[in-house]
Amino acid sequence: MKLSRTAAPAFCVIGTGLASGAFFLLPHKANAAQEACPVAKLSGRYVFTGQGSPIGRQANLHAPFDFDGAGNFSARQTSPRVTHDFQRQDLRGTYTMGADCTGSLVMEVQRGGPAHWDVFVTSDGKKGRMIRTDDQMMSVRNFEQ
């Protein structure tokens, strides 16, 4: 099939337009890097509230957590953990984040050893939820900056 002299340039213009449109619709590495969720997503002070305990006991927990944006945190928790009297505990630990704004957190200062948590953070890094993943423990915490 032979194209006319006017049809060939028209196909070139259409093809170039389609290729350009596809280029702008495809994700780019620069955009993907901006959409990632680095550990710096958690940075500053957050207020945590939640419920949790060993199975069979329930406690309401309240704590300010300070994240350094580099994978470390410290906190001061108030809870009726061992006795029914409210006690303050100093906590510290580390955290990691994945590209999808989920991660993990390990609290190093816990009675009975470290506590392991799955972390879910909003894309703006202002709110999130933690779920404890240790055996025989049931804890959920919400946090907000």
C-alpha atoms as a PDB file:
ATOM      1  CA  MET A   1       0.000   0.000   0.000  1.00  0.00           C
ATOM      2  CA  LYS A   2       1.444   3.350  -0.983  1.00  0.00           C
ATOM      3  CA  LEU A   3       0.723   6.431   1.155  1.00  0.00           C
ATOM      4  CA  SER A   4       0.112   9.851  -0.328  1.00  0.00           C
ATOM      5  CA  ARG A   5       2.547  12.642   0.395  1.00  0.00           C
ATOM      6  CA  THR A   6       0.149  14.221   2.909  1.00  0.00           C
ATOM      7  CA  ALA A   7      -0.731  10.967   4.697  1.00  0.00           C
ATOM      8  CA  ALA A   8       2.876  10.076   5.617  1.00  0.00           C
ATOM      9  CA  PRO A   9       3.517  13.314   7.594  1.00  0.00           C
ATOM     10  CA  ALA A  10       0.119  12.961   9.256  1.00  0.00           C
ATOM     11  CA  PHE A  11       1.016   9.460  10.483  1.00  0.00           C
ATOM     12  CA  CYS A  12       4.344  10.797  11.787  1.00  0.00           C
ATOM     13  CA  VAL A  13       2.567  13.550  13.740  1.00  0.00           C
ATOM     14  CA  ILE A  14       0.003  11.095  15.141  1.00  0.00           C
ATOM     15  CA  GLY A  15       2.708   8.560  16.045  1.00  0.00           C
ATOM     16  CA  THR A  16       4.810  11.227  17.741  1.00  0.00           C
ATOM     17  CA  GLY A  17       1.767  12.424  19.697  1.00  0.00           C
ATOM     18  CA  LEU A  18       0.935   8.897  20.869  1.00  0.00           C
ATOM     19  CA  ALA A  19       4.524   8.226  21.890  1.00  0.00           C
ATOM     20  CA  SER A  20       4.688  11.541  23.789  1.00  0.00           C
ATOM     21  CA  GLY A  21       1.407  10.845  25.554  1.00  0.00           C
ATOM     22  CA  ALA A  22       2.554   7.381  26.602  1.00  0.00           C
ATOM     23  CA  PHE A  23       5.813   8.879  27.870  1.00  0.00           C
ATOM     24  CA  PHE A  24       3.969  11.270  30.189  1.00  0.00           C
ATOM     25  CA  LEU A  25       1.578   8.574  31.438  1.00  0.00           C
ATOM     26  CA  LEU A  26       4.295   6.099  32.388  1.00  0.00           C
ATOM     27  CA  PRO A  27       5.799   6.420  35.882  1.00  0.00           C
ATOM     28  CA  HIS A  28       9.314   7.797  35.927  1.00  0.00           C
ATOM     29  CA  LYS A  29      12.063   6.912  38.348  1.00  0.00           C
ATOM     30  CA  ALA A  30      12.122  10.473  39.684  1.00  0.00           C
ATOM     31  CA  ASN A  31       8.375  10.343  40.423  1.00  0.00           C
ATOM     32  CA  ALA A  32       8.655   6.872  41.940  1.00  0.00           C
ATOM     33  CA  ALA A  33      11.412   8.069  44.266  1.00  0.00           C
ATOM     34  CA  GLN A  34       9.268  11.001  45.409  1.00  0.00           C
ATOM     35  CA  GLU A  35       6.318   8.699  46.098  1.00  0.00           C
ATOM     36  CA  ALA A  36       8.418   6.314  48.212  1.00  0.00           C
ATOM     37  CA  CYS A  37       7.999   6.299  51.969  1.00  0.00           C
ATOM     38  CA  PRO A  38      11.471   6.678  53.538  1.00  0.00           C
ATOM     39  CA  VAL A  39      12.158   6.431  57.286  1.00  0.00           C
ATOM     40  CA  ALA A  40      12.169  10.245  57.261  1.00  0.00           C
ATOM     41  CA  LYS A  41       8.400  10.024  56.719  1.00  0.00           C
ATOM     42  CA  LEU A  42       8.202   9.513  60.506  1.00  0.00           C
ATOM     43  CA  SER A  43       9.950  12.511  61.967  1.00  0.00           C
ATOM     44  CA  GLY A  44       9.063  14.613  65.001  1.00  0.00           C
ATOM     45  CA  ARG A  45       6.650  14.097  67.877  1.00  0.00           C
ATOM     46  CA  TYR A  46       3.543  11.922  67.622  1.00  0.00           C
ATOM     47  CA  VAL A  47       0.881  11.235  70.231  1.00  0.00           C
ATOM     48  CA  PHE A  48      -0.007   7.566  70.547  1.00  0.00           C
ATOM     49  CA  THR A  49      -3.191   6.144  71.998  1.00  0.00           C
ATOM     50  CA  GLY A  50      -4.344   2.595  72.002  1.00  0.00           C
ATOM     51  CA  GLN A  51      -5.283  -0.543  73.782  1.00  0.00           C
ATOM     52  CA  GLY A  52      -3.237  -3.578  74.378  1.00  0.00           C
ATOM     53  CA  SER A  53      -2.090  -6.199  76.777  1.00  0.00           C
ATOM     54  CA  PRO A  54      -1.158  -9.792  77.160  1.00  0.00           C
ATOM     55  CA  ILE A  55      -4.179 -11.880  76.207  1.00  0.00           C
ATOM     56  CA  GLY A  56      -6.745 -11.661  78.996  1.00  0.00           C
ATOM     57  CA  ARG A  57      -5.699  -8.263  80.403  1.00  0.00           C
ATOM     58  CA  GLN A  58      -6.598  -4.910  78.913  1.00  0.00           C
ATOM     59  CA  ALA A  59      -4.856  -1.552  79.307  1.00  0.00           C
ATOM     60  CA  ASN A  60      -5.329   1.861  77.763  1.00  0.00           C
ATOM     61  CA  LEU A  61      -2.010   3.333  76.687  1.00  0.00           C
ATOM     62  CA  HIS A  62      -0.983   6.933  76.058  1.00  0.00           C
ATOM     63  CA  ALA A  63       2.454   8.113  74.989  1.00  0.00           C
ATOM     64  CA  PRO A  64       4.383  10.784  73.134  1.00  0.00           C
ATOM     65  CA  PHE A  65       6.807   9.220  70.654  1.00  0.00           C
ATOM     66  CA  ASP A  66       9.713  11.155  69.145  1.00  0.00           C
ATOM     67  CA  PHE A  67      10.949   9.859  65.779  1.00  0.00           C
ATOM     68  CA  ASP A  68      14.311  11.153  64.532  1.00  0.00           C
ATOM     69  CA  GLY A  69      13.622  10.559  60.821  1.00  0.00           C
ATOM     70  CA  ALA A  70      16.657   8.251  60.637  1.00  0.00           C
ATOM     71  CA  GLY A  71      15.155   5.025  62.042  1.00  0.00           C
ATOM     72  CA  ASN A  72      15.310   5.641  65.820  1.00  0.00           C
ATOM     73  CA  PHE A  73      12.676   6.694  68.331  1.00  0.00           C
ATOM     74  CA  SER A  74      12.197   7.350  72.024  1.00  0.00           C
ATOM     75  CA  ALA A  75       9.004   7.566  74.051  1.00  0.00           C
ATOM     76  CA  ARG A  76       7.534   7.849  77.504  1.00  0.00           C
ATOM     77  CA  GLN A  77       4.535   5.610  78.026  1.00  0.00           C
ATOM     78  CA  THR A  78       1.967   5.748  80.815  1.00  0.00           C
ATOM     79  CA  SER A  79       0.081   2.507  81.419  1.00  0.00           C
ATOM     80  CA  PRO A  80      -1.073   0.080  84.126  1.00  0.00           C
ATOM     81  CA  ARG A  81       1.249  -2.685  82.874  1.00  0.00           C
ATOM     82  CA  VAL A  82       2.382  -4.733  85.880  1.00  0.00           C
ATOM     83  CA  THR A  83       0.075  -3.462  88.591  1.00  0.00           C
ATOM     84  CA  HIS A  84      -3.185  -1.657  88.201  1.00  0.00           C
ATOM     85  CA  ASP A  85      -1.447   1.580  89.202  1.00  0.00           C
ATOM     86  CA  PHE A  86      -0.394   3.799  86.336  1.00  0.00           C
ATOM     87  CA  GLN A  87       3.321   3.659  85.649  1.00  0.00           C
ATOM     88  CA  ARG A  88       5.612   5.562  83.335  1.00  0.00           C
ATOM     89  CA  GLN A  89       8.063   3.690  81.160  1.00  0.00           C
ATOM     90  CA  ASP A  90      10.855   5.086  79.054  1.00  0.00           C
ATOM     91  CA  LEU A  91      10.929   3.358  75.671  1.00  0.00           C
ATOM     92  CA  ARG A  92      13.348   3.431  72.772  1.00  0.00           C
ATOM     93  CA  GLY A  93      13.861   1.479  69.611  1.00  0.00           C
ATOM     94  CA  THR A  94      14.248   1.404  65.871  1.00  0.00           C
ATOM     95  CA  TYR A  95      11.944   1.446  62.888  1.00  0.00           C
ATOM     96  CA  THR A  96      12.045   0.841  59.139  1.00  0.00           C
ATOM     97  CA  MET A  97       9.719   1.945  56.352  1.00  0.00           C
ATOM     98  CA  GLY A  98       8.957   0.421  52.953  1.00  0.00           C
ATOM     99  CA  ALA A  99       8.039   2.175  49.726  1.00  0.00           C
ATOM    100  CA  ASP A 100       4.331   1.513  50.410  1.00  0.00           C
ATOM    101  CA  CYS A 101       4.387   3.331  53.804  1.00  0.00           C
ATOM    102  CA  THR A 102       4.316   0.116  55.814  1.00  0.00           C
ATOM    103  CA  GLY A 103       7.163  -0.903  58.036  1.00  0.00           C
ATOM    104  CA  SER A 104       8.243  -2.419  61.305  1.00  0.00           C
ATOM    105  CA  LEU A 105       9.154  -1.098  64.709  1.00  0.00           C
ATOM    106  CA  VAL A 106      11.049  -2.748  67.572  1.00  0.00           C
ATOM    107  CA  MET A 107      10.779  -1.379  71.114  1.00  0.00           C
ATOM    108  CA  GLU A 108      13.944  -2.293  72.979  1.00  0.00           C
ATOM    109  CA  VAL A 109      12.822  -1.412  76.495  1.00  0.00           C
ATOM    110  CA  GLN A 110       9.911  -3.661  77.365  1.00  0.00           C
ATOM    111  CA  ARG A 111       9.329  -5.969  80.288  1.00  0.00           C
ATOM    112  CA  GLY A 112       9.756  -9.477  78.956  1.00  0.00           C
ATOM    113  CA  GLY A 113      11.969  -8.464  76.011  1.00  0.00           C
ATOM    114  CA  PRO A 114      11.600  -6.378  72.858  1.00  0.00           C
ATOM    115  CA  ALA A 115       8.192  -5.720  71.353  1.00  0.00           C
ATOM    116  CA  HIS A 116       7.691  -6.099  67.586  1.00  0.00           C
ATOM    117  CA  TRP A 117       5.144  -4.071  65.649  1.00  0.00           C
ATOM    118  CA  ASP A 118       3.868  -3.687  62.096  1.00  0.00           C
ATOM    119  CA  VAL A 119       3.521   0.011  61.228  1.00  0.00           C
ATOM    120  CA  PHE A 120       1.160   1.614  58.715  1.00  0.00           C
ATOM    121  CA  VAL A 121       1.615   5.334  57.927  1.00  0.00           C
ATOM    122  CA  THR A 122      -0.477   7.710  55.818  1.00  0.00           C
ATOM    123  CA  SER A 123       1.220   9.037  52.689  1.00  0.00           C
ATOM    124  CA  ASP A 124       1.696  12.461  54.307  1.00  0.00           C
ATOM    125  CA  GLY A 125       3.310  10.881  57.387  1.00  0.00           C
ATOM    126  CA  LYS A 126       0.917  12.608  59.814  1.00  0.00           C
ATOM    127  CA  LYS A 127      -1.100   9.594  61.046  1.00  0.00           C
ATOM    128  CA  GLY A 128      -0.678   5.875  61.398  1.00  0.00           C
ATOM    129  CA  ARG A 129      -1.433   2.657  63.169  1.00  0.00           C
ATOM    130  CA  MET A 130       0.718   0.017  64.862  1.00  0.00           C
ATOM    131  CA  ILE A 131      -0.206  -3.624  65.442  1.00  0.00           C
ATOM    132  CA  ARG A 132       1.849  -5.781  67.790  1.00  0.00           C
ATOM    133  CA  THR A 133       3.025  -9.007  66.221  1.00  0.00           C
ATOM    134  CA  ASP A 134       4.455 -10.900  69.235  1.00  0.00           C
ATOM    135  CA  ASP A 135       2.817 -14.166  70.359  1.00  0.00           C
ATOM    136  CA  GLN A 136       0.174 -13.900  73.078  1.00  0.00           C
ATOM    137  CA  MET A 137       0.042 -10.115  72.740  1.00  0.00           C
ATOM    138  CA  MET A 138      -2.854  -8.087  71.412  1.00  0.00           C
ATOM    139  CA  SER A 139      -2.110  -4.412  70.947  1.00  0.00           C
ATOM    140  CA  VAL A 140      -3.180  -1.734  68.508  1.00  0.00           C
ATOM    141  CA  ARG A 141      -2.050   1.880  68.667  1.00  0.00           C
ATOM    142  CA  ASN A 142      -3.053   4.893  66.645  1.00  0.00           C
ATOM    143  CA  PHE A 143      -0.745   7.855  66.322  1.00  0.00           C
ATOM    144  CA  GLU A 144      -1.005  11.377  65.045  1.00  0.00           C
ATOM    145  CA  GLN A 145       1.342  14.289  64.690  1.00  0.00           C
END
